[in-house]
Amino acid sequence: MLTILKSAWKMNWKIDVVFEEDSLYLWFETSILFMLVKTYCAALSGLEVHTVTIEVSLVKGVMYHFTGLGDVAVKEGRDRIAAALQYTGFRFPIADITVNMAPADLKKEGSGYDLPLAIAILAANGNLVSRQLECYMMVGELSLDGSLQPAKGVLSIAMKAKKEGFKGLIVPQQNANEAAVVEGLEVYGMQGLKDVVDFLSGVRLFDPVRLDIHSVFEEQQALSGPDFADVRGQESVRRALEVAAAGGHNVIMVGPPGSGKSMMARRLPSILPPLTMEESLETTQIHSVAGLMGRNMSLIAQRPFRAPHHTVSEVALVGGGTNAKPGEISLAHNGVLFCDELPEFNRSALEVLRQPLEDRKISISRARYSVDFPCSFMLVASMNPCPCGYYGDPTHQCVCTPGQRLRYMSKISGPLMDRIDIQIEITPVPFKDISKVQSGEPSAAIRERVLKARKKQEERFKDFKGIHCNAQMTERMIHQFAEPDAASLDMLRMAMERLKLSARAYSRILKVARTIADLDNSEKVQSVHIAEAISYRNLDRGDWAERGI
């Protein structure tokens, strides 16, 4: 009672006391018609962020009104806030409360609005007096005990806060390192609602989170992963993956079970060029929006490797759903998307990969929203050569007919196969090679050659916007940078006729040959480079399924 009277006196409210049947009623009348307070947060739409202004007004009454197109999670925040205020020593106001989230026509989703809404209610009720509310953007979900739970998309929100000129950003403690990546913005990681109230009212001082982003980035990049040194034998396959990494080419590996397809695919990120800071920020943004950032994580500095199961749906693969969410192809941005047992994937799910592979982005349009997600990834696929899996295996006899092999291969459409530059046949490693003590060539040595080749490509395409590697070359660029000499052209013509290569193989061979020439430090595409590139088009051969073992 004393606390209520003190608050009323501070706010210059008129107090009427009424006794009725052993009950005491206090009626408060403010010297103004209502109290209006504004706080600031953000709404996510894909990777795009919109500043949201939360307006709270208190007048006489007992109703709670909400406007601003909030979803169920936003509206349920009223009950979480009431319990959190009670637990931390405050009371939910007995008044007519109107909450508006502007812009009112923008959909608000999630529970990250709890903290700014609770602060606005406390300020409107006179429990918090601060002139700093307009200086900070806030985000965080409230538990019933007043503690703050981590939110999604904090890195994107921090970037928006800096762009909009806010002094700082208040986030849950678990999100502090992620938000602190943005330089020039004060980031405060708070444990609970009481900490935020004390900070804004000046009762306690808090230091902003300091993060040496470049040191953290270098430290994260130094973390080790699967290494090609563990692979014994399969020199031809390792060479093909080196060419793929050097030119950014998509790869498919065809071989019987146990030949090492998955093992080598998982080691491909170890020979790709390390992420740049810009790529790391992009990748971190996507994972943050998807809610995949671990607690106290700051950056993703390793290239992603995503391996969805073949039962994955179209929506899970490309993104979307009820709320706009990135799919597997966006989570693989700047990394590798590995599709194991490719023919077992739903055909409609595979076909949606065609446009992202060309455009390096995915546009998702639904009735309620339209968003774009980046998805520049290397597609690495593996498959068995036939339904029984043993076509071409020297140790097992294949029981499939040529017709069965053709039907199995036809599960992958021509347009999708057209976007895969390198096709490799793999045979199991003989026991004598598996039992060797010496290890294979380490990933560090292979990556060094890949980096030299990529550097040549960066110099070559520096005047072309959006082109970074040989796999992205257009037809005009192929004629400009990968035109074979007369001898090489004759070899290519002969190979296409004798091996019955399809017409779509022509430009793919030249792209791969250009990459092989870069690895060979050659300015011109020579016949030896064409010959190796032709060897990587096995599935394009017209008689592939009819060939004997």
Protein backbone atom coordinates (compact mmCIF):
# COMPACT_ATOMS: atom_id res chain seq x y z
CA MET A 1 0.00 0.00 0.00
CA LEU A 2 2.81 2.40 0.90
CA THR A 3 4.54 1.67 -2.42
CA ILE A 4 1.36 2.45 -4.33
CA LEU A 5 0.86 5.73 -2.48
CA LYS A 6 4.49 6.77 -3.08
CA SER A 7 4.13 6.07 -6.78
CA ALA A 8 0.90 8.03 -6.95
CA TRP A 9 2.52 10.99 -5.17
CA LYS A 10 5.51 10.97 -7.54
CA MET A 11 3.19 11.00 -10.55
CA ASN A 12 1.10 13.83 -9.06
CA TRP A 13 -2.05 11.73 -9.08
CA LYS A 14 -5.25 12.69 -7.25
CA ILE A 15 -6.30 10.00 -4.74
CA ASP A 16 -9.87 9.32 -3.62
CA VAL A 17 -10.36 6.97 -0.64
CA VAL A 18 -13.65 5.07 -0.36
CA PHE A 19 -14.63 2.72 2.52
CA GLU A 20 -17.30 0.15 1.71
CA GLU A 21 -18.23 -2.87 3.89
CA ASP A 22 -14.84 -3.35 5.51
CA SER A 23 -13.09 -2.80 2.17
CA LEU A 24 -10.81 0.03 1.17
CA TYR A 25 -10.86 1.32 -2.37
CA LEU A 26 -8.29 3.72 -3.75
CA TRP A 27 -9.15 5.63 -6.89
CA PHE A 28 -6.30 7.34 -8.66
CA GLU A 29 -6.84 10.19 -11.04
CA THR A 30 -3.89 11.52 -12.95
CA SER A 31 -3.32 15.15 -13.64
CA ILE A 32 -3.21 14.22 -17.36
CA LEU A 33 -5.67 12.20 -19.38
CA PHE A 34 -3.30 9.29 -20.00
CA MET A 35 0.31 8.15 -19.86
CA LEU A 36 1.95 7.20 -23.18
CA VAL A 37 5.37 5.50 -23.44
CA LYS A 38 7.33 4.25 -26.45
CA THR A 39 10.00 1.57 -26.66
CA TYR A 40 11.71 0.08 -29.69
CA CYS A 41 12.35 -3.42 -31.01
CA ALA A 42 12.48 -5.11 -34.43
CA ALA A 43 10.50 -7.49 -36.63
CA LEU A 44 12.14 -10.05 -38.93
CA SER A 45 10.92 -10.83 -42.43
CA GLY A 46 13.42 -13.33 -43.77
CA LEU A 47 16.75 -11.58 -43.36
CA GLU A 48 15.13 -8.17 -43.65
CA VAL A 49 14.59 -6.24 -40.40
CA HIS A 50 11.97 -3.58 -39.69
CA THR A 51 12.08 -1.25 -36.69
CA VAL A 52 8.99 -1.66 -34.51
CA THR A 53 7.76 1.03 -32.13
CA ILE A 54 5.82 -0.27 -29.12
CA GLU A 55 3.35 2.29 -27.77
CA VAL A 56 1.65 1.73 -24.43
CA SER A 57 -1.03 4.00 -22.99
CA LEU A 58 -2.67 3.68 -19.55
CA VAL A 59 -6.03 5.21 -18.63
CA LYS A 60 -8.76 4.36 -16.15
CA GLY A 61 -10.22 0.93 -16.63
CA VAL A 62 -9.37 -2.74 -16.42
CA MET A 63 -9.15 -3.86 -20.07
CA TYR A 64 -6.13 -4.92 -22.13
CA HIS A 65 -6.20 -3.95 -25.81
CA PHE A 66 -3.65 -5.07 -28.37
CA THR A 67 -3.21 -3.72 -31.90
CA GLY A 68 -0.42 -4.18 -34.41
CA LEU A 69 -0.93 -7.54 -36.15
CA GLY A 70 0.82 -9.72 -33.57
CA ASP A 71 0.68 -13.50 -33.71
CA VAL A 72 -0.34 -15.81 -30.86
CA ALA A 73 3.15 -15.77 -29.29
CA VAL A 74 3.11 -11.96 -29.16
CA LYS A 75 -0.35 -11.81 -27.60
CA GLU A 76 0.49 -14.51 -25.05
CA GLY A 77 3.31 -12.24 -23.92
CA ARG A 78 0.79 -10.39 -21.72
CA ASP A 79 0.55 -13.38 -19.36
CA ARG A 80 4.32 -13.93 -19.31
CA ILE A 81 4.88 -10.25 -18.56
CA ALA A 82 2.31 -10.23 -15.74
CA ALA A 83 3.99 -13.22 -14.05
CA ALA A 84 7.49 -11.80 -14.57
CA LEU A 85 6.52 -8.43 -13.08
CA GLN A 86 4.96 -10.13 -10.06
CA TYR A 87 8.05 -12.29 -9.50
CA THR A 88 10.46 -9.35 -9.73
CA GLY A 89 8.58 -7.17 -7.24
CA PHE A 90 6.33 -5.16 -9.56
CA ARG A 91 2.63 -5.35 -10.25
CA PHE A 92 0.82 -5.52 -13.52
CA PRO A 93 -1.15 -2.24 -13.71
CA ILE A 94 -4.85 -2.27 -12.90
CA ALA A 95 -5.77 0.07 -15.71
CA ASP A 96 -7.07 0.21 -19.23
CA ILE A 97 -3.93 -0.73 -21.19
CA THR A 98 -3.67 -0.19 -24.92
CA VAL A 99 -0.67 -1.64 -26.73
CA ASN A 100 0.13 -0.74 -30.31
CA MET A 101 3.02 -2.12 -32.33
CA ALA A 102 3.78 0.17 -35.25
CA PRO A 103 3.80 -0.19 -38.18
CA ALA A 104 0.43 -1.82 -37.56
CA ASP A 105 0.27 -3.54 -40.97
CA LEU A 106 3.51 -5.49 -40.43
CA LYS A 107 3.16 -9.00 -39.06
CA LYS A 108 4.86 -9.44 -35.66
CA GLU A 109 5.92 -13.00 -34.83
CA GLY A 110 7.69 -14.65 -31.92
CA SER A 111 8.28 -13.95 -28.26
CA GLY A 112 11.15 -11.47 -28.59
CA TYR A 113 8.79 -8.55 -27.95
CA ASP A 114 8.27 -9.45 -24.28
CA LEU A 115 11.12 -7.31 -22.92
CA PRO A 116 10.37 -3.99 -24.69
CA LEU A 117 6.66 -4.41 -23.95
CA ALA A 118 7.29 -5.06 -20.25
CA ILE A 119 9.57 -2.01 -20.03
CA ALA A 120 6.94 0.16 -21.75
CA ILE A 121 4.25 -1.00 -19.29
CA LEU A 122 6.48 -0.32 -16.29
CA ALA A 123 7.35 3.14 -17.59
CA ALA A 124 3.73 3.98 -18.33
CA ASN A 125 2.75 2.89 -14.83
CA GLY A 126 5.45 5.04 -13.20
CA ASN A 127 7.62 2.17 -12.00
CA LEU A 128 10.44 3.21 -14.30
CA VAL A 129 11.53 6.77 -14.91
CA SER A 130 14.14 7.01 -17.67
CA ARG A 131 15.07 9.34 -20.48
CA GLN A 132 17.02 6.60 -22.26
CA LEU A 133 14.15 4.55 -23.64
CA GLU A 134 14.44 6.15 -27.06
CA CYS A 135 18.19 5.42 -27.17
CA TYR A 136 17.98 1.62 -27.04
CA MET A 137 16.45 -1.14 -29.06
CA MET A 138 15.47 -4.18 -26.99
CA VAL A 139 14.71 -7.82 -27.71
CA GLY A 140 14.15 -10.82 -25.47
CA GLU A 141 11.63 -13.39 -24.25
CA LEU A 142 10.60 -13.28 -20.58
CA SER A 143 10.33 -16.36 -18.40
CA LEU A 144 7.78 -16.38 -15.60
CA ASP A 145 10.55 -15.64 -13.08
CA GLY A 146 11.65 -12.56 -15.02
CA SER A 147 14.77 -14.07 -16.58
CA LEU A 148 15.50 -13.47 -20.25
CA GLN A 149 15.57 -16.23 -22.83
CA PRO A 150 17.55 -15.99 -26.11
CA ALA A 151 15.89 -14.68 -29.25
CA LYS A 152 16.31 -15.38 -32.97
CA GLY A 153 17.90 -13.07 -35.52
CA VAL A 154 19.81 -10.95 -33.01
CA LEU A 155 22.71 -10.27 -35.40
CA SER A 156 20.34 -8.87 -38.05
CA ILE A 157 18.59 -6.79 -35.38
CA ALA A 158 21.93 -5.40 -34.16
CA MET A 159 22.83 -4.36 -37.70
CA LYS A 160 19.47 -2.61 -38.02
CA ALA A 161 19.90 -0.85 -34.67
CA LYS A 162 23.25 0.56 -35.77
CA LYS A 163 21.85 1.62 -39.13
CA GLU A 164 18.90 3.39 -37.46
CA GLY A 165 21.23 5.33 -35.15
CA PHE A 166 20.33 3.73 -31.82
CA LYS A 167 22.91 4.13 -29.10
CA GLY A 168 22.74 0.51 -28.04
CA LEU A 169 20.93 -2.80 -28.02
CA ILE A 170 19.69 -4.68 -24.93
CA VAL A 171 19.55 -8.45 -25.41
CA PRO A 172 19.52 -11.62 -23.29
CA GLN A 173 22.93 -12.61 -21.95
CA GLN A 174 23.09 -15.64 -24.26
CA ASN A 175 22.79 -13.42 -27.35
CA ALA A 176 25.31 -10.80 -26.24
CA ASN A 177 28.34 -12.18 -28.12
CA GLU A 178 26.33 -12.55 -31.31
CA ALA A 179 25.11 -8.94 -31.20
CA ALA A 180 28.53 -7.60 -30.18
CA VAL A 181 29.88 -8.61 -33.59
CA VAL A 182 28.45 -5.31 -34.89
CA GLU A 183 31.05 -2.63 -34.28
CA GLY A 184 30.00 0.86 -33.21
CA LEU A 185 26.97 -0.31 -31.21
CA GLU A 186 26.79 -0.68 -27.43
CA VAL A 187 25.46 -4.14 -26.63
CA TYR A 188 24.23 -5.01 -23.13
CA GLY A 189 23.61 -8.64 -22.22
CA MET A 190 21.12 -8.90 -19.36
CA GLN A 191 20.16 -11.83 -17.16
CA GLY A 192 16.64 -10.68 -16.37
CA LEU A 193 14.02 -7.95 -16.30
CA LYS A 194 15.27 -6.51 -13.00
CA ASP A 195 18.70 -5.88 -14.54
CA VAL A 196 17.16 -3.99 -17.45
CA VAL A 197 15.02 -1.83 -15.13
CA ASP A 198 18.02 -1.01 -12.93
CA PHE A 199 20.13 -0.15 -15.97
CA LEU A 200 17.57 2.13 -17.61
CA SER A 201 16.70 3.88 -14.35
CA GLY A 202 20.38 4.43 -13.50
CA VAL A 203 20.29 2.39 -10.29
CA ARG A 204 23.12 0.14 -11.49
CA LEU A 205 25.85 0.54 -14.05
CA PHE A 206 26.54 -2.14 -16.65
CA ASP A 207 29.45 -2.34 -19.06
CA PRO A 208 28.72 -3.06 -22.72
CA VAL A 209 30.00 -6.33 -24.12
CA ARG A 210 33.46 -5.97 -25.65
CA LEU A 211 34.42 -8.41 -28.39
CA ASP A 212 37.53 -8.47 -30.54
CA ILE A 213 35.73 -9.77 -33.57
CA HIS A 214 38.84 -10.36 -35.66
CA SER A 215 40.51 -12.45 -32.94
CA VAL A 216 37.33 -14.47 -32.46
CA PHE A 217 37.04 -14.97 -36.22
CA GLU A 218 40.62 -16.24 -36.50
CA GLU A 219 40.18 -18.49 -33.48
CA GLN A 220 37.03 -20.07 -34.88
CA GLN A 221 38.65 -20.60 -38.28
CA ALA A 222 41.50 -22.48 -36.66
CA LEU A 223 39.16 -25.21 -35.40
CA SER A 224 39.92 -28.52 -37.11
CA GLY A 225 37.50 -30.88 -38.83
CA PRO A 226 37.56 -34.03 -40.97
CA ASP A 227 40.76 -34.20 -43.02
CA PHE A 228 41.58 -35.84 -46.34
CA ALA A 229 44.62 -37.35 -44.65
CA ASP A 230 42.20 -39.98 -43.29
CA VAL A 231 41.34 -41.13 -46.82
CA ARG A 232 43.44 -43.96 -48.20
CA GLY A 233 43.38 -44.69 -51.89
CA GLN A 234 40.81 -43.04 -54.19
CA GLU A 235 43.41 -40.67 -55.66
CA SER A 236 41.31 -40.00 -58.76
CA VAL A 237 38.27 -39.05 -56.65
CA ARG A 238 40.35 -36.77 -54.43
CA ARG A 239 41.71 -35.10 -57.55
CA ALA A 240 38.17 -34.57 -58.85
CA LEU A 241 37.08 -33.02 -55.55
CA GLU A 242 40.14 -30.76 -55.64
CA VAL A 243 39.10 -29.54 -59.10
CA ALA A 244 35.54 -29.03 -57.83
CA ALA A 245 36.74 -26.97 -54.87
CA ALA A 246 39.08 -24.90 -57.04
CA GLY A 247 36.34 -23.91 -59.49
CA GLY A 248 33.23 -24.06 -57.31
CA HIS A 249 31.80 -26.88 -59.42
CA ASN A 250 28.89 -29.09 -58.40
CA VAL A 251 29.78 -32.79 -58.06
CA ILE A 252 28.01 -36.13 -58.16
CA MET A 253 29.75 -39.34 -57.08
CA VAL A 254 28.45 -42.69 -58.31
CA GLY A 255 29.61 -45.89 -56.69
CA PRO A 256 28.57 -49.00 -54.77
CA PRO A 257 27.89 -48.96 -51.01
CA GLY A 258 31.00 -48.62 -48.86
CA SER A 259 33.17 -47.01 -51.55
CA GLY A 260 33.72 -43.86 -49.45
CA LYS A 261 31.35 -41.37 -51.09
CA SER A 262 30.01 -39.86 -47.87
CA MET A 263 33.40 -39.92 -46.17
CA MET A 264 35.01 -37.82 -48.88
CA ALA A 265 32.04 -35.48 -49.25
CA ARG A 266 32.25 -34.57 -45.56
CA ARG A 267 35.89 -33.59 -46.03
CA LEU A 268 35.24 -31.25 -48.93
CA PRO A 269 34.80 -28.11 -46.72
CA SER A 270 38.34 -28.64 -45.41
CA ILE A 271 39.83 -27.85 -48.83
CA LEU A 272 37.52 -24.98 -49.74
CA PRO A 273 38.85 -21.42 -49.31
CA PRO A 274 38.28 -20.13 -45.76
CA LEU A 275 35.31 -17.86 -45.18
CA THR A 276 35.88 -14.13 -45.50
CA MET A 277 34.49 -11.84 -42.80
CA GLU A 278 31.68 -10.76 -45.11
CA GLU A 279 30.73 -14.36 -45.88
CA SER A 280 30.89 -15.22 -42.18
CA LEU A 281 28.45 -12.43 -41.29
CA GLU A 282 26.04 -13.55 -44.03
CA THR A 283 26.19 -17.16 -42.87
CA THR A 284 25.76 -16.20 -39.22
CA GLN A 285 22.71 -14.07 -40.07
CA ILE A 286 20.98 -16.99 -41.76
CA HIS A 287 21.68 -19.41 -38.90
CA SER A 288 20.61 -16.80 -36.36
CA VAL A 289 17.26 -16.23 -38.08
CA ALA A 290 16.76 -20.00 -38.18
CA GLY A 291 17.46 -20.21 -34.43
CA LEU A 292 20.50 -22.45 -34.88
CA MET A 293 23.06 -20.27 -33.11
CA GLY A 294 24.24 -21.88 -29.89
CA ARG A 295 24.26 -19.97 -26.64
CA ASN A 296 27.10 -17.45 -26.33
CA MET A 297 28.15 -18.05 -29.96
CA SER A 298 29.35 -15.04 -31.89
CA LEU A 299 30.24 -16.04 -35.46
CA ILE A 300 30.16 -19.00 -37.81
CA ALA A 301 33.67 -19.03 -39.22
CA GLN A 302 33.66 -22.52 -40.80
CA ARG A 303 31.95 -23.25 -44.09
CA PRO A 304 28.59 -24.94 -43.45
CA PHE A 305 28.02 -28.56 -44.38
CA ARG A 306 24.35 -29.52 -44.60
CA ALA A 307 23.29 -33.10 -45.30
CA PRO A 308 19.46 -33.36 -45.32
CA HIS A 309 17.89 -36.82 -45.30
CA HIS A 310 16.34 -38.00 -48.55
CA THR A 311 12.87 -37.77 -46.97
CA VAL A 312 13.21 -33.98 -46.70
CA SER A 313 10.21 -32.02 -47.97
CA GLU A 314 10.27 -29.21 -50.52
CA VAL A 315 9.58 -26.59 -47.83
CA ALA A 316 12.33 -27.90 -45.56
CA LEU A 317 14.73 -27.85 -48.48
CA VAL A 318 14.06 -24.36 -49.88
CA GLY A 319 12.50 -22.65 -46.85
CA GLY A 320 9.18 -21.00 -46.13
CA GLY A 321 6.45 -22.56 -44.00
CA THR A 322 3.90 -20.75 -41.86
CA ASN A 323 6.60 -18.30 -40.80
CA ALA A 324 9.33 -17.33 -43.27
CA LYS A 325 12.26 -19.55 -42.36
CA PRO A 326 15.43 -20.43 -44.30
CA GLY A 327 15.65 -23.97 -45.66
CA GLU A 328 18.56 -26.34 -46.05
CA ILE A 329 19.83 -24.67 -49.23
CA SER A 330 20.09 -21.32 -47.43
CA LEU A 331 21.66 -22.90 -44.36
CA ALA A 332 24.31 -24.27 -46.76
CA HIS A 333 25.02 -20.74 -48.06
CA ASN A 334 28.78 -20.29 -48.61
CA GLY A 335 29.24 -23.98 -47.92
CA VAL A 336 28.26 -27.46 -49.11
CA LEU A 337 24.85 -29.08 -49.57
CA PHE A 338 25.34 -32.85 -49.55
CA CYS A 339 22.53 -35.00 -50.96
CA ASP A 340 23.28 -38.62 -50.20
CA GLU A 341 21.40 -41.26 -52.23
CA LEU A 342 20.17 -38.62 -54.69
CA PRO A 343 17.64 -40.80 -56.59
CA GLU A 344 15.84 -41.53 -53.31
CA PHE A 345 14.90 -37.86 -52.87
CA ASN A 346 11.41 -36.82 -53.86
CA ARG A 347 11.63 -35.71 -57.49
CA SER A 348 9.64 -32.53 -56.88
CA ALA A 349 12.02 -31.64 -54.03
CA LEU A 350 15.02 -32.08 -56.33
CA GLU A 351 13.49 -29.98 -59.09
CA VAL A 352 13.21 -26.94 -56.82
CA LEU A 353 17.02 -26.92 -56.68
CA ARG A 354 17.31 -25.93 -60.32
CA GLN A 355 16.59 -22.21 -59.97
CA PRO A 356 18.69 -21.69 -56.79
CA LEU A 357 21.66 -23.42 -58.41
CA GLU A 358 21.56 -20.87 -61.23
CA ASP A 359 20.54 -17.69 -59.39
CA ARG A 360 22.34 -18.36 -56.08
CA LYS A 361 19.26 -17.10 -54.22
CA ILE A 362 15.77 -18.37 -53.52
CA SER A 363 12.62 -16.25 -53.71
CA ILE A 364 9.78 -17.63 -51.58
CA SER A 365 6.33 -16.18 -52.28
CA ARG A 366 3.35 -17.08 -50.16
CA ALA A 367 -0.04 -15.49 -49.58
CA ARG A 368 1.19 -13.84 -46.36
CA TYR A 369 4.74 -12.91 -47.29
CA SER A 370 7.42 -12.77 -49.95
CA VAL A 371 11.06 -13.12 -48.89
CA ASP A 372 14.45 -13.74 -50.47
CA PHE A 373 17.19 -15.87 -48.96
CA PRO A 374 20.75 -16.23 -50.34
CA CYS A 375 21.82 -19.77 -51.24
CA SER A 376 25.21 -19.79 -52.93
CA PHE A 377 26.34 -23.35 -52.23
CA MET A 378 28.21 -26.25 -53.79
CA LEU A 379 25.94 -29.18 -54.51
CA VAL A 380 27.65 -32.48 -53.75
CA ALA A 381 25.55 -35.56 -54.43
CA SER A 382 26.16 -39.27 -54.20
CA MET A 383 24.24 -42.26 -55.48
CA ASN A 384 24.45 -45.96 -56.18
CA PRO A 385 24.88 -46.88 -59.84
CA CYS A 386 21.80 -49.11 -59.90
CA PRO A 387 18.94 -50.33 -57.66
CA CYS A 388 20.98 -53.19 -56.21
CA GLY A 389 23.96 -50.87 -55.78
CA TYR A 390 26.71 -53.07 -57.24
CA TYR A 391 26.94 -52.12 -60.90
CA GLY A 392 30.66 -51.70 -61.57
CA ASP A 393 31.75 -53.29 -58.28
CA PRO A 394 34.53 -55.83 -59.00
CA THR A 395 33.72 -57.83 -55.86
CA HIS A 396 29.92 -58.11 -56.21
CA GLN A 397 27.79 -59.12 -59.17
CA CYS A 398 25.08 -56.70 -60.30
CA VAL A 399 21.65 -58.31 -60.74
CA CYS A 400 20.03 -55.33 -62.47
CA THR A 401 19.18 -55.17 -66.16
CA PRO A 402 20.19 -52.22 -68.36
CA GLY A 403 16.54 -51.14 -68.35
CA GLN A 404 16.45 -51.08 -64.56
CA ARG A 405 19.62 -49.03 -64.47
CA LEU A 406 18.19 -46.56 -66.97
CA ARG A 407 14.97 -46.16 -64.97
CA TYR A 408 17.00 -45.67 -61.82
CA MET A 409 19.13 -42.96 -63.43
CA SER A 410 16.07 -41.29 -64.96
CA LYS A 411 14.89 -40.36 -61.46
CA ILE A 412 17.32 -37.45 -61.81
CA SER A 413 16.09 -35.07 -64.49
CA GLY A 414 18.28 -33.86 -67.33
CA PRO A 415 17.99 -30.15 -66.34
CA LEU A 416 19.24 -30.95 -62.83
CA MET A 417 22.08 -33.13 -64.10
CA ASP A 418 22.92 -30.30 -66.50
CA ARG A 419 23.86 -28.17 -63.49
CA ILE A 420 26.38 -30.73 -62.18
CA ASP A 421 29.78 -30.15 -63.78
CA ILE A 422 31.73 -33.12 -62.43
CA GLN A 423 30.50 -36.73 -62.48
CA ILE A 424 32.76 -39.31 -60.88
CA GLU A 425 32.54 -43.09 -60.81
CA ILE A 426 33.97 -44.65 -57.66
CA THR A 427 35.02 -48.22 -57.04
CA PRO A 428 35.71 -49.68 -53.59
CA VAL A 429 39.29 -49.44 -52.35
CA PRO A 430 41.12 -52.81 -52.43
CA PHE A 431 42.20 -54.27 -49.11
CA LYS A 432 45.88 -53.71 -49.88
CA ASP A 433 45.26 -49.95 -50.07
CA ILE A 434 43.06 -49.83 -46.98
CA SER A 435 45.69 -51.67 -44.95
CA LYS A 436 48.43 -49.21 -45.85
CA VAL A 437 49.91 -47.44 -42.84
CA GLN A 438 50.69 -44.14 -44.55
CA SER A 439 47.98 -41.52 -44.64
CA GLY A 440 46.73 -39.66 -47.67
CA GLU A 441 47.58 -36.10 -48.62
CA PRO A 442 46.38 -33.69 -45.89
CA SER A 443 43.65 -31.14 -46.57
CA ALA A 444 46.04 -28.25 -45.87
CA ALA A 445 48.22 -29.15 -48.85
CA ILE A 446 45.24 -29.52 -51.16
CA ARG A 447 43.70 -26.25 -49.93
CA GLU A 448 46.93 -24.39 -50.74
CA ARG A 449 46.60 -25.36 -54.40
CA VAL A 450 42.90 -24.52 -54.36
CA LEU A 451 43.61 -21.04 -52.97
CA LYS A 452 46.15 -20.33 -55.72
CA ALA A 453 43.62 -21.31 -58.37
CA ARG A 454 40.86 -19.21 -56.75
CA LYS A 455 43.18 -16.21 -56.64
CA LYS A 456 43.64 -16.47 -60.41
CA GLN A 457 39.86 -16.55 -60.85
CA GLU A 458 39.33 -13.52 -58.62
CA GLU A 459 41.75 -11.56 -60.78
CA ARG A 460 40.11 -12.83 -63.97
CA PHE A 461 36.56 -11.91 -62.95
CA LYS A 462 37.27 -8.72 -61.00
CA ASP A 463 35.36 -6.65 -63.59
CA PHE A 464 32.33 -8.98 -63.64
CA LYS A 465 29.71 -8.41 -60.97
CA GLY A 466 28.53 -11.55 -59.17
CA ILE A 467 31.08 -13.86 -60.82
CA HIS A 468 33.67 -15.29 -58.44
CA CYS A 469 34.68 -18.69 -59.81
CA ASN A 470 34.80 -20.66 -63.05
CA ALA A 471 31.56 -22.52 -62.35
CA GLN A 472 29.66 -19.23 -62.61
CA MET A 473 30.95 -18.34 -66.09
CA THR A 474 28.40 -17.47 -68.77
CA GLU A 475 28.63 -18.75 -72.35
CA ARG A 476 30.29 -15.52 -73.43
CA MET A 477 32.88 -15.83 -70.66
CA ILE A 478 33.57 -19.43 -71.67
CA HIS A 479 34.44 -18.29 -75.20
CA GLN A 480 36.56 -15.47 -73.77
CA PHE A 481 38.51 -17.33 -71.07
CA ALA A 482 38.23 -21.06 -71.87
CA GLU A 483 38.44 -21.22 -75.66
CA PRO A 484 40.42 -24.36 -76.57
CA ASP A 485 43.10 -24.41 -79.24
CA ALA A 486 42.66 -26.33 -82.49
CA ALA A 487 44.13 -29.59 -81.16
CA SER A 488 42.04 -29.46 -78.02
CA LEU A 489 38.91 -28.70 -80.06
CA ASP A 490 39.52 -31.73 -82.26
CA MET A 491 39.96 -33.90 -79.17
CA LEU A 492 36.72 -32.58 -77.71
CA ARG A 493 34.82 -33.18 -80.95
CA MET A 494 36.15 -36.74 -81.20
CA ALA A 495 35.29 -37.49 -77.56
CA MET A 496 31.74 -36.24 -77.94
CA GLU A 497 31.21 -38.41 -81.01
CA ARG A 498 32.87 -41.60 -79.74
CA LEU A 499 31.59 -41.43 -76.16
CA LYS A 500 28.15 -40.19 -77.22
CA LEU A 501 28.36 -37.21 -74.90
CA SER A 502 25.30 -34.99 -74.78
CA ALA A 503 25.34 -31.45 -76.10
CA ARG A 504 25.02 -29.99 -72.62
CA ALA A 505 28.38 -31.57 -71.73
CA TYR A 506 30.27 -29.19 -74.05
CA SER A 507 30.22 -26.03 -71.92
CA ARG A 508 30.59 -28.04 -68.71
CA ILE A 509 33.77 -29.63 -70.01
CA LEU A 510 35.22 -26.25 -70.92
CA LYS A 511 34.44 -24.80 -67.48
CA VAL A 512 36.11 -27.71 -65.73
CA ALA A 513 39.05 -27.58 -68.14
CA ARG A 514 39.54 -23.91 -67.30
CA THR A 515 39.75 -24.83 -63.61
CA ILE A 516 42.22 -27.64 -64.29
CA ALA A 517 44.35 -25.17 -66.26
CA ASP A 518 44.27 -22.78 -63.28
CA LEU A 519 45.49 -25.57 -61.00
CA ASP A 520 48.21 -26.27 -63.57
CA ASN A 521 49.12 -22.54 -63.60
CA SER A 522 48.41 -22.40 -67.32
CA GLU A 523 46.98 -19.34 -69.06
CA LYS A 524 45.61 -21.41 -71.96
CA VAL A 525 43.32 -24.41 -71.92
CA GLN A 526 45.35 -27.24 -73.41
CA SER A 527 44.49 -30.71 -74.65
CA VAL A 528 45.64 -32.36 -71.41
CA HIS A 529 43.18 -30.23 -69.50
CA ILE A 530 40.38 -31.08 -71.92
CA ALA A 531 41.19 -34.79 -71.60
CA GLU A 532 40.89 -34.71 -67.81
CA ALA A 533 37.67 -32.71 -67.97
CA ILE A 534 36.15 -35.25 -70.38
CA SER A 535 36.90 -38.02 -67.88
CA TYR A 536 34.58 -36.26 -65.41
CA ARG A 537 31.47 -36.62 -67.63
CA ASN A 538 30.85 -40.34 -67.22
CA LEU A 539 27.09 -40.13 -66.72
CA ASP A 540 26.66 -38.10 -69.91
CA ARG A 541 27.79 -41.05 -72.00
CA GLY A 542 24.88 -42.35 -74.02
CA ASP A 543 25.81 -46.00 -73.37
CA TRP A 544 26.52 -45.62 -69.64
CA ALA A 545 23.81 -47.99 -68.41
CA GLU A 546 24.52 -50.58 -71.14
CA ARG A 547 28.27 -50.88 -70.52
CA GLY A 548 29.55 -54.06 -69.00
CA ILE A 549 31.17 -54.21 -65.60
